[in-house]
Amino acid sequence: DAARERAASSDSKEVAAFPAVSITDLEGRTLRKEDLAGRVVLVELWATWCPPCRGTLGWLGELKKKHGDRVAVVAIAVDSDEANVRKVSSDLGLPIVWSMGTADVVRAFGDVTSVPTLLLFDAKGKAAASFYGAPPSLHADAEAKLASVLREGA
C-alpha cells in the first residue's frame, strides 16, 4: 500500500527526447543517440516472460524490414536473464538491436511500469509517442503514428 501511494503521488516521468545513454547490444557493440541521428527510432522495453512482447517484437521486426534504414528498432530486455534474451533473439532472427536493460538505461527512458512499453522518437530524437502494455489496438495505433512521423520527416 505504501509503495502504491508513493507511486500515485509521484509525477510520471516521460522522456521528451531520446536520452543520452549508451546501449550495449548483445554482441558488445555500443549504440548512442548520435548513431541514430536522422532515423525514426522505436524502443521496445520487453521481458522474456511476457507473451505479448514476442508478438510485438515480431511486428517491430517486420516494420524494420518494411522501412529499412529510415527506422531503427531497439529492443531492451528488462527483468530477464541474458541467456533467455539471447535465445529469443536467435529464435526470432529479427534485424533489430537487442540489448539488456541496465537500471540506468531503463531509468533514462522514464517510468517503465509495464511490458511491453513502446516508445517512438522522431528523426530529430524528439519523443513522438508512448504505448504501454499490449491492447488489441497497439500495432494499428503505433503504425499509424509511425507513418505520421515518417511523413513529417520526409
N, C-alpha and C. Protein backbone atom coordinates (compact mmCIF):
# COMPACT_ATOMS: atom_id res chain seq x y z
N ASP A 1 0.82 -1.20 0.00
CA ASP A 1 0.00 0.00 0.00
C ASP A 1 0.86 1.26 0.00
N ALA A 2 1.92 1.24 0.83
CA ALA A 2 2.81 2.40 0.89
C ALA A 2 3.47 2.65 -0.45
N ALA A 3 3.88 1.57 -1.12
CA ALA A 3 4.52 1.71 -2.42
C ALA A 3 3.55 2.27 -3.44
N ARG A 4 2.29 1.81 -3.39
CA ARG A 4 1.27 2.33 -4.31
C ARG A 4 1.03 3.82 -4.08
N GLU A 5 1.00 4.22 -2.83
CA GLU A 5 0.80 5.64 -2.50
C GLU A 5 1.93 6.50 -3.04
N ARG A 6 3.19 6.02 -2.85
CA ARG A 6 4.34 6.78 -3.35
C ARG A 6 4.28 6.89 -4.88
N ALA A 7 3.91 5.78 -5.52
CA ALA A 7 3.84 5.79 -6.98
C ALA A 7 2.74 6.73 -7.46
N ALA A 8 1.60 6.71 -6.79
CA ALA A 8 0.48 7.56 -7.19
C ALA A 8 0.78 9.03 -6.97
N SER A 9 1.55 9.33 -5.94
CA SER A 9 1.82 10.74 -5.63
C SER A 9 2.99 11.31 -6.43
N SER A 10 3.82 10.45 -7.01
CA SER A 10 4.96 10.97 -7.77
C SER A 10 4.52 11.28 -9.19
N ASP A 11 5.15 12.26 -9.78
CA ASP A 11 4.83 12.63 -11.15
C ASP A 11 5.41 11.57 -12.08
N SER A 12 4.66 11.22 -13.10
CA SER A 12 5.13 10.27 -14.09
C SER A 12 6.28 10.91 -14.86
N LYS A 13 7.33 10.16 -15.08
CA LYS A 13 8.50 10.70 -15.77
C LYS A 13 8.54 10.13 -17.18
N GLU A 14 8.10 10.92 -18.14
CA GLU A 14 8.21 10.53 -19.54
C GLU A 14 9.30 11.38 -20.15
N VAL A 15 10.04 10.77 -21.04
CA VAL A 15 11.15 11.49 -21.65
C VAL A 15 10.65 12.35 -22.80
N ALA A 16 11.26 13.50 -22.97
CA ALA A 16 10.89 14.41 -24.05
C ALA A 16 11.69 14.13 -25.32
N ALA A 17 12.83 13.44 -25.15
CA ALA A 17 13.69 13.14 -26.28
C ALA A 17 14.48 11.87 -25.98
N PHE A 18 15.03 11.28 -27.04
CA PHE A 18 15.85 10.09 -26.85
C PHE A 18 16.99 10.45 -25.89
N PRO A 19 17.14 9.70 -24.81
CA PRO A 19 18.14 10.08 -23.81
C PRO A 19 19.58 9.87 -24.28
N ALA A 20 20.47 10.61 -23.67
CA ALA A 20 21.90 10.50 -23.99
C ALA A 20 22.49 9.34 -23.18
N VAL A 21 22.17 8.12 -23.61
CA VAL A 21 22.67 6.92 -22.95
C VAL A 21 23.45 6.09 -23.94
N SER A 22 24.30 5.24 -23.41
CA SER A 22 24.99 4.25 -24.24
C SER A 22 24.33 2.91 -24.00
N ILE A 23 23.88 2.30 -25.07
CA ILE A 23 23.24 0.99 -25.01
C ILE A 23 24.20 -0.01 -25.61
N THR A 24 24.47 -1.07 -24.89
CA THR A 24 25.36 -2.12 -25.39
C THR A 24 24.50 -3.26 -25.90
N ASP A 25 24.69 -3.63 -27.17
CA ASP A 25 23.89 -4.72 -27.72
C ASP A 25 24.46 -6.07 -27.27
N LEU A 26 23.79 -7.14 -27.64
CA LEU A 26 24.21 -8.47 -27.21
C LEU A 26 25.55 -8.90 -27.77
N GLU A 27 26.02 -8.20 -28.80
CA GLU A 27 27.33 -8.50 -29.39
C GLU A 27 28.44 -7.63 -28.81
N GLY A 28 28.09 -6.76 -27.86
CA GLY A 28 29.08 -5.90 -27.22
C GLY A 28 29.30 -4.57 -27.90
N ARG A 29 28.55 -4.29 -28.96
CA ARG A 29 28.68 -3.01 -29.66
C ARG A 29 27.89 -1.94 -28.91
N THR A 30 28.41 -0.72 -28.92
CA THR A 30 27.75 0.39 -28.24
C THR A 30 26.92 1.20 -29.22
N LEU A 31 25.71 1.52 -28.79
CA LEU A 31 24.80 2.33 -29.58
C LEU A 31 24.51 3.60 -28.78
N ARG A 32 24.74 4.76 -29.42
CA ARG A 32 24.48 6.05 -28.77
C ARG A 32 23.46 6.83 -29.58
N LYS A 33 22.94 7.84 -28.96
CA LYS A 33 21.95 8.71 -29.60
C LYS A 33 22.46 9.20 -30.96
N GLU A 34 23.72 9.56 -31.02
CA GLU A 34 24.32 10.08 -32.27
C GLU A 34 24.26 9.05 -33.39
N ASP A 35 24.35 7.77 -33.03
CA ASP A 35 24.32 6.70 -34.03
C ASP A 35 22.95 6.57 -34.69
N LEU A 36 21.93 7.11 -34.05
CA LEU A 36 20.56 7.00 -34.54
C LEU A 36 20.07 8.27 -35.23
N ALA A 37 20.90 9.29 -35.28
CA ALA A 37 20.52 10.59 -35.84
C ALA A 37 19.97 10.43 -37.25
N GLY A 38 18.87 11.11 -37.51
CA GLY A 38 18.27 11.10 -38.83
C GLY A 38 17.32 9.94 -39.08
N ARG A 39 17.16 9.06 -38.09
CA ARG A 39 16.23 7.93 -38.24
C ARG A 39 15.14 8.00 -37.18
N VAL A 40 13.98 7.55 -37.54
CA VAL A 40 12.91 7.38 -36.56
C VAL A 40 13.29 6.15 -35.74
N VAL A 41 13.11 6.23 -34.42
CA VAL A 41 13.54 5.14 -33.54
C VAL A 41 12.35 4.62 -32.73
N LEU A 42 12.21 3.32 -32.74
CA LEU A 42 11.24 2.63 -31.89
C LEU A 42 12.02 1.88 -30.83
N VAL A 43 11.73 2.17 -29.57
CA VAL A 43 12.37 1.47 -28.46
C VAL A 43 11.33 0.60 -27.79
N GLU A 44 11.59 -0.68 -27.73
CA GLU A 44 10.69 -1.64 -27.09
C GLU A 44 11.34 -2.12 -25.80
N LEU A 45 10.68 -1.86 -24.67
CA LEU A 45 11.12 -2.40 -23.39
C LEU A 45 10.25 -3.62 -23.15
N TRP A 46 10.88 -4.77 -23.00
CA TRP A 46 10.16 -6.04 -23.00
C TRP A 46 10.80 -7.00 -22.02
N ALA A 47 10.16 -8.15 -21.82
CA ALA A 47 10.69 -9.19 -20.94
C ALA A 47 10.45 -10.56 -21.58
N THR A 48 11.35 -11.48 -21.32
CA THR A 48 11.24 -12.82 -21.91
C THR A 48 10.01 -13.57 -21.40
N TRP A 49 9.53 -13.25 -20.21
CA TRP A 49 8.39 -13.94 -19.61
C TRP A 49 7.05 -13.34 -20.06
N CYS A 50 7.09 -12.35 -20.93
CA CYS A 50 5.89 -11.61 -21.36
C CYS A 50 5.43 -12.11 -22.74
N PRO A 51 4.37 -12.95 -22.81
CA PRO A 51 3.91 -13.45 -24.12
C PRO A 51 3.56 -12.36 -25.13
N PRO A 52 2.85 -11.27 -24.75
CA PRO A 52 2.55 -10.25 -25.76
C PRO A 52 3.80 -9.58 -26.32
N CYS A 53 4.89 -9.58 -25.54
CA CYS A 53 6.12 -8.94 -26.01
C CYS A 53 6.66 -9.63 -27.26
N ARG A 54 6.55 -10.95 -27.33
CA ARG A 54 7.07 -11.66 -28.50
C ARG A 54 6.32 -11.26 -29.77
N GLY A 55 5.01 -11.14 -29.66
CA GLY A 55 4.23 -10.70 -30.81
C GLY A 55 4.61 -9.30 -31.24
N THR A 56 4.81 -8.44 -30.28
CA THR A 56 5.19 -7.06 -30.59
C THR A 56 6.59 -7.02 -31.20
N LEU A 57 7.51 -7.83 -30.69
CA LEU A 57 8.85 -7.87 -31.26
C LEU A 57 8.82 -8.34 -32.71
N GLY A 58 8.03 -9.38 -32.99
CA GLY A 58 7.91 -9.87 -34.36
C GLY A 58 7.37 -8.80 -35.29
N TRP A 59 6.35 -8.08 -34.83
CA TRP A 59 5.76 -7.00 -35.61
C TRP A 59 6.78 -5.87 -35.84
N LEU A 60 7.55 -5.54 -34.80
CA LEU A 60 8.57 -4.49 -34.95
C LEU A 60 9.64 -4.91 -35.96
N GLY A 61 9.99 -6.19 -35.96
CA GLY A 61 10.94 -6.69 -36.95
C GLY A 61 10.42 -6.51 -38.37
N GLU A 62 9.12 -6.75 -38.55
CA GLU A 62 8.50 -6.56 -39.87
C GLU A 62 8.50 -5.08 -40.25
N LEU A 63 8.23 -4.20 -39.28
CA LEU A 63 8.29 -2.75 -39.57
C LEU A 63 9.69 -2.34 -40.00
N LYS A 64 10.69 -2.88 -39.33
CA LYS A 64 12.09 -2.56 -39.67
C LYS A 64 12.39 -3.01 -41.10
N LYS A 65 11.95 -4.21 -41.44
CA LYS A 65 12.17 -4.71 -42.81
C LYS A 65 11.46 -3.83 -43.83
N LYS A 66 10.25 -3.41 -43.50
CA LYS A 66 9.44 -2.59 -44.41
C LYS A 66 10.05 -1.21 -44.64
N HIS A 67 10.56 -0.58 -43.57
CA HIS A 67 11.04 0.80 -43.67
C HIS A 67 12.56 0.92 -43.80
N GLY A 68 13.28 -0.17 -43.66
CA GLY A 68 14.73 -0.16 -43.86
C GLY A 68 15.46 0.81 -42.95
N ASP A 69 16.40 1.54 -43.54
CA ASP A 69 17.27 2.43 -42.75
C ASP A 69 16.56 3.68 -42.24
N ARG A 70 15.34 3.93 -42.68
CA ARG A 70 14.60 5.11 -42.17
C ARG A 70 14.19 4.91 -40.72
N VAL A 71 14.15 3.64 -40.28
CA VAL A 71 13.68 3.30 -38.94
C VAL A 71 14.71 2.43 -38.24
N ALA A 72 14.93 2.71 -36.96
CA ALA A 72 15.77 1.85 -36.12
C ALA A 72 14.87 1.28 -35.03
N VAL A 73 15.08 0.01 -34.72
CA VAL A 73 14.32 -0.64 -33.65
C VAL A 73 15.32 -1.15 -32.62
N VAL A 74 15.10 -0.74 -31.37
CA VAL A 74 15.97 -1.13 -30.26
C VAL A 74 15.11 -1.87 -29.24
N ALA A 75 15.42 -3.14 -29.01
CA ALA A 75 14.68 -3.96 -28.05
C ALA A 75 15.52 -4.09 -26.78
N ILE A 76 15.03 -3.50 -25.71
CA ILE A 76 15.75 -3.50 -24.44
C ILE A 76 15.02 -4.44 -23.47
N ALA A 77 15.69 -5.53 -23.11
CA ALA A 77 15.10 -6.52 -22.21
C ALA A 77 15.23 -6.07 -20.77
N VAL A 78 14.13 -6.19 -20.04
CA VAL A 78 14.12 -5.87 -18.61
C VAL A 78 13.69 -7.12 -17.85
N ASP A 79 14.15 -7.22 -16.62
CA ASP A 79 13.72 -8.30 -15.74
C ASP A 79 13.83 -9.67 -16.42
N SER A 80 14.93 -9.89 -17.15
CA SER A 80 15.11 -11.11 -17.92
C SER A 80 16.55 -11.59 -17.83
N ASP A 81 16.73 -12.88 -17.91
CA ASP A 81 18.06 -13.48 -17.91
C ASP A 81 18.68 -13.35 -19.30
N GLU A 82 19.96 -13.00 -19.35
CA GLU A 82 20.60 -12.78 -20.64
C GLU A 82 20.55 -14.01 -21.54
N ALA A 83 20.70 -15.20 -20.97
CA ALA A 83 20.64 -16.42 -21.79
C ALA A 83 19.27 -16.54 -22.47
N ASN A 84 18.21 -16.20 -21.75
CA ASN A 84 16.87 -16.25 -22.33
C ASN A 84 16.67 -15.18 -23.40
N VAL A 85 17.25 -14.00 -23.17
CA VAL A 85 17.17 -12.92 -24.17
C VAL A 85 17.90 -13.35 -25.44
N ARG A 86 19.07 -13.94 -25.28
CA ARG A 86 19.82 -14.42 -26.46
C ARG A 86 19.02 -15.48 -27.22
N LYS A 87 18.33 -16.35 -26.50
CA LYS A 87 17.52 -17.39 -27.15
C LYS A 87 16.37 -16.77 -27.93
N VAL A 88 15.66 -15.82 -27.34
CA VAL A 88 14.56 -15.16 -28.04
C VAL A 88 15.11 -14.45 -29.28
N SER A 89 16.22 -13.75 -29.12
CA SER A 89 16.84 -13.04 -30.25
C SER A 89 17.18 -14.02 -31.38
N SER A 90 17.76 -15.14 -31.02
CA SER A 90 18.14 -16.15 -32.01
C SER A 90 16.91 -16.78 -32.65
N ASP A 91 15.92 -17.11 -31.83
CA ASP A 91 14.70 -17.74 -32.34
C ASP A 91 13.96 -16.83 -33.32
N LEU A 92 13.87 -15.54 -33.00
CA LEU A 92 13.13 -14.60 -33.84
C LEU A 92 13.94 -14.13 -35.05
N GLY A 93 15.26 -14.02 -34.90
CA GLY A 93 16.12 -13.63 -36.02
C GLY A 93 15.73 -12.33 -36.70
N LEU A 94 15.44 -11.32 -35.92
CA LEU A 94 14.96 -10.05 -36.46
C LEU A 94 16.10 -9.05 -36.64
N PRO A 95 15.98 -8.13 -37.63
CA PRO A 95 17.02 -7.13 -37.90
C PRO A 95 16.90 -5.92 -36.98
N ILE A 96 16.93 -6.18 -35.67
CA ILE A 96 16.81 -5.10 -34.69
C ILE A 96 17.98 -5.17 -33.72
N VAL A 97 18.16 -4.12 -32.94
CA VAL A 97 19.22 -4.09 -31.92
C VAL A 97 18.65 -4.73 -30.65
N TRP A 98 19.34 -5.75 -30.17
CA TRP A 98 18.94 -6.45 -28.94
C TRP A 98 19.87 -6.03 -27.83
N SER A 99 19.31 -5.69 -26.67
CA SER A 99 20.12 -5.21 -25.56
C SER A 99 19.53 -5.64 -24.23
N MET A 100 20.40 -5.77 -23.24
CA MET A 100 19.97 -6.00 -21.86
C MET A 100 19.78 -4.63 -21.22
N GLY A 101 18.67 -4.45 -20.55
CA GLY A 101 18.38 -3.16 -19.93
C GLY A 101 19.02 -3.02 -18.56
N THR A 102 20.06 -2.21 -18.48
CA THR A 102 20.63 -1.91 -17.17
C THR A 102 19.70 -0.93 -16.47
N ALA A 103 19.82 -0.82 -15.16
CA ALA A 103 18.97 0.10 -14.40
C ALA A 103 19.08 1.52 -14.93
N ASP A 104 20.30 1.97 -15.23
CA ASP A 104 20.50 3.34 -15.72
C ASP A 104 19.85 3.56 -17.08
N VAL A 105 19.99 2.60 -17.98
CA VAL A 105 19.41 2.75 -19.31
C VAL A 105 17.89 2.76 -19.22
N VAL A 106 17.33 1.82 -18.48
CA VAL A 106 15.86 1.76 -18.38
C VAL A 106 15.32 3.03 -17.73
N ARG A 107 15.95 3.49 -16.67
CA ARG A 107 15.51 4.71 -15.98
C ARG A 107 15.57 5.91 -16.92
N ALA A 108 16.54 5.94 -17.82
CA ALA A 108 16.68 7.06 -18.75
C ALA A 108 15.48 7.17 -19.70
N PHE A 109 14.75 6.06 -19.90
CA PHE A 109 13.59 6.07 -20.78
C PHE A 109 12.29 6.35 -20.03
N GLY A 110 12.38 6.73 -18.75
CA GLY A 110 11.19 7.12 -18.00
C GLY A 110 10.68 6.03 -17.08
N ASP A 111 9.45 6.20 -16.66
CA ASP A 111 8.81 5.23 -15.77
C ASP A 111 8.32 4.04 -16.58
N VAL A 112 9.02 2.94 -16.48
CA VAL A 112 8.60 1.73 -17.18
C VAL A 112 7.87 0.87 -16.16
N THR A 113 6.55 0.90 -16.23
CA THR A 113 5.74 0.18 -15.25
C THR A 113 5.07 -1.05 -15.83
N SER A 114 5.18 -1.24 -17.15
CA SER A 114 4.60 -2.42 -17.76
C SER A 114 5.41 -2.80 -18.99
N VAL A 115 5.29 -4.05 -19.36
CA VAL A 115 5.88 -4.52 -20.61
C VAL A 115 4.77 -5.17 -21.41
N PRO A 116 4.80 -4.98 -22.71
CA PRO A 116 5.75 -4.15 -23.43
C PRO A 116 5.46 -2.66 -23.24
N THR A 117 6.53 -1.87 -23.29
CA THR A 117 6.44 -0.43 -23.37
C THR A 117 7.13 -0.04 -24.67
N LEU A 118 6.43 0.66 -25.53
CA LEU A 118 6.96 1.04 -26.83
C LEU A 118 7.04 2.56 -26.88
N LEU A 119 8.24 3.05 -27.19
CA LEU A 119 8.48 4.49 -27.27
C LEU A 119 8.90 4.82 -28.70
N LEU A 120 8.31 5.87 -29.24
CA LEU A 120 8.59 6.30 -30.61
C LEU A 120 9.25 7.67 -30.57
N PHE A 121 10.39 7.79 -31.27
CA PHE A 121 11.12 9.05 -31.35
C PHE A 121 11.25 9.44 -32.82
N ASP A 122 11.08 10.72 -33.11
CA ASP A 122 11.20 11.17 -34.50
C ASP A 122 12.66 11.23 -34.93
N ALA A 123 12.90 11.61 -36.17
CA ALA A 123 14.25 11.61 -36.73
C ALA A 123 15.18 12.62 -36.08
N LYS A 124 14.62 13.56 -35.32
CA LYS A 124 15.44 14.53 -34.58
C LYS A 124 15.65 14.08 -33.14
N GLY A 125 15.10 12.92 -32.77
CA GLY A 125 15.26 12.40 -31.42
C GLY A 125 14.18 12.83 -30.44
N LYS A 126 13.21 13.61 -30.91
CA LYS A 126 12.12 14.08 -30.03
C LYS A 126 11.10 12.96 -29.82
N ALA A 127 10.61 12.83 -28.58
CA ALA A 127 9.58 11.84 -28.28
C ALA A 127 8.32 12.15 -29.08
N ALA A 128 7.79 11.13 -29.76
CA ALA A 128 6.60 11.32 -30.58
C ALA A 128 5.39 10.58 -30.03
N ALA A 129 5.62 9.47 -29.32
CA ALA A 129 4.51 8.70 -28.75
C ALA A 129 5.03 7.66 -27.78
N SER A 130 4.16 7.26 -26.85
CA SER A 130 4.44 6.20 -25.89
C SER A 130 3.25 5.27 -25.85
N PHE A 131 3.51 3.97 -25.84
CA PHE A 131 2.46 2.97 -25.78
C PHE A 131 2.80 2.00 -24.66
N TYR A 132 1.85 1.77 -23.76
CA TYR A 132 2.10 0.92 -22.59
C TYR A 132 1.19 -0.30 -22.64
N GLY A 133 1.79 -1.47 -22.42
CA GLY A 133 1.02 -2.70 -22.44
C GLY A 133 0.76 -3.15 -23.87
N ALA A 134 -0.17 -4.09 -24.02
CA ALA A 134 -0.45 -4.65 -25.34
C ALA A 134 -1.95 -4.72 -25.60
N PRO A 135 -2.62 -3.55 -25.67
CA PRO A 135 -4.05 -3.58 -26.01
C PRO A 135 -4.22 -4.06 -27.45
N PRO A 136 -5.40 -4.52 -27.81
CA PRO A 136 -5.62 -5.02 -29.17
C PRO A 136 -5.27 -4.01 -30.27
N SER A 137 -5.38 -2.72 -29.97
CA SER A 137 -5.13 -1.69 -30.99
C SER A 137 -3.67 -1.24 -31.05
N LEU A 138 -2.79 -1.84 -30.24
CA LEU A 138 -1.40 -1.37 -30.15
C LEU A 138 -0.73 -1.26 -31.52
N HIS A 139 -0.72 -2.34 -32.28
CA HIS A 139 0.01 -2.33 -33.55
C HIS A 139 -0.58 -1.31 -34.52
N ALA A 140 -1.90 -1.25 -34.63
CA ALA A 140 -2.54 -0.29 -35.55
C ALA A 140 -2.27 1.14 -35.11
N ASP A 141 -2.41 1.41 -33.82
CA ASP A 141 -2.18 2.77 -33.31
C ASP A 141 -0.72 3.19 -33.50
N ALA A 142 0.20 2.31 -33.15
CA ALA A 142 1.62 2.64 -33.27
C ALA A 142 2.03 2.78 -34.73
N GLU A 143 1.49 1.92 -35.59
CA GLU A 143 1.84 2.00 -37.00
C GLU A 143 1.32 3.30 -37.62
N ALA A 144 0.13 3.72 -37.22
CA ALA A 144 -0.42 4.99 -37.72
C ALA A 144 0.44 6.16 -37.27
N LYS A 145 0.86 6.15 -36.02
CA LYS A 145 1.72 7.23 -35.51
C LYS A 145 3.08 7.20 -36.20
N LEU A 146 3.64 6.00 -36.42
CA LEU A 146 4.91 5.88 -37.13
C LEU A 146 4.80 6.45 -38.54
N ALA A 147 3.71 6.11 -39.24
CA ALA A 147 3.51 6.63 -40.61
C ALA A 147 3.46 8.16 -40.60
N SER A 148 2.79 8.71 -39.60
CA SER A 148 2.69 10.17 -39.48
C SER A 148 4.06 10.79 -39.25
N VAL A 149 4.83 10.21 -38.35
CA VAL A 149 6.18 10.72 -38.04
C VAL A 149 7.09 10.61 -39.26
N LEU A 150 6.99 9.51 -39.98
CA LEU A 150 7.80 9.35 -41.20
C LEU A 150 7.42 10.38 -42.26
N ARG A 151 6.12 10.66 -42.40
CA ARG A 151 5.67 11.67 -43.37
C ARG A 151 6.19 13.06 -42.99
N GLU A 152 6.12 13.38 -41.69
CA GLU A 152 6.58 14.70 -41.23
C GLU A 152 8.06 14.89 -41.47
N GLY A 153 8.82 13.79 -41.37
CA GLY A 153 10.27 13.87 -41.53
C GLY A 153 10.72 13.79 -42.97
N ALA A 154 9.78 13.50 -43.88
CA ALA A 154 10.16 13.33 -45.30
C ALA A 154 10.42 14.66 -45.97
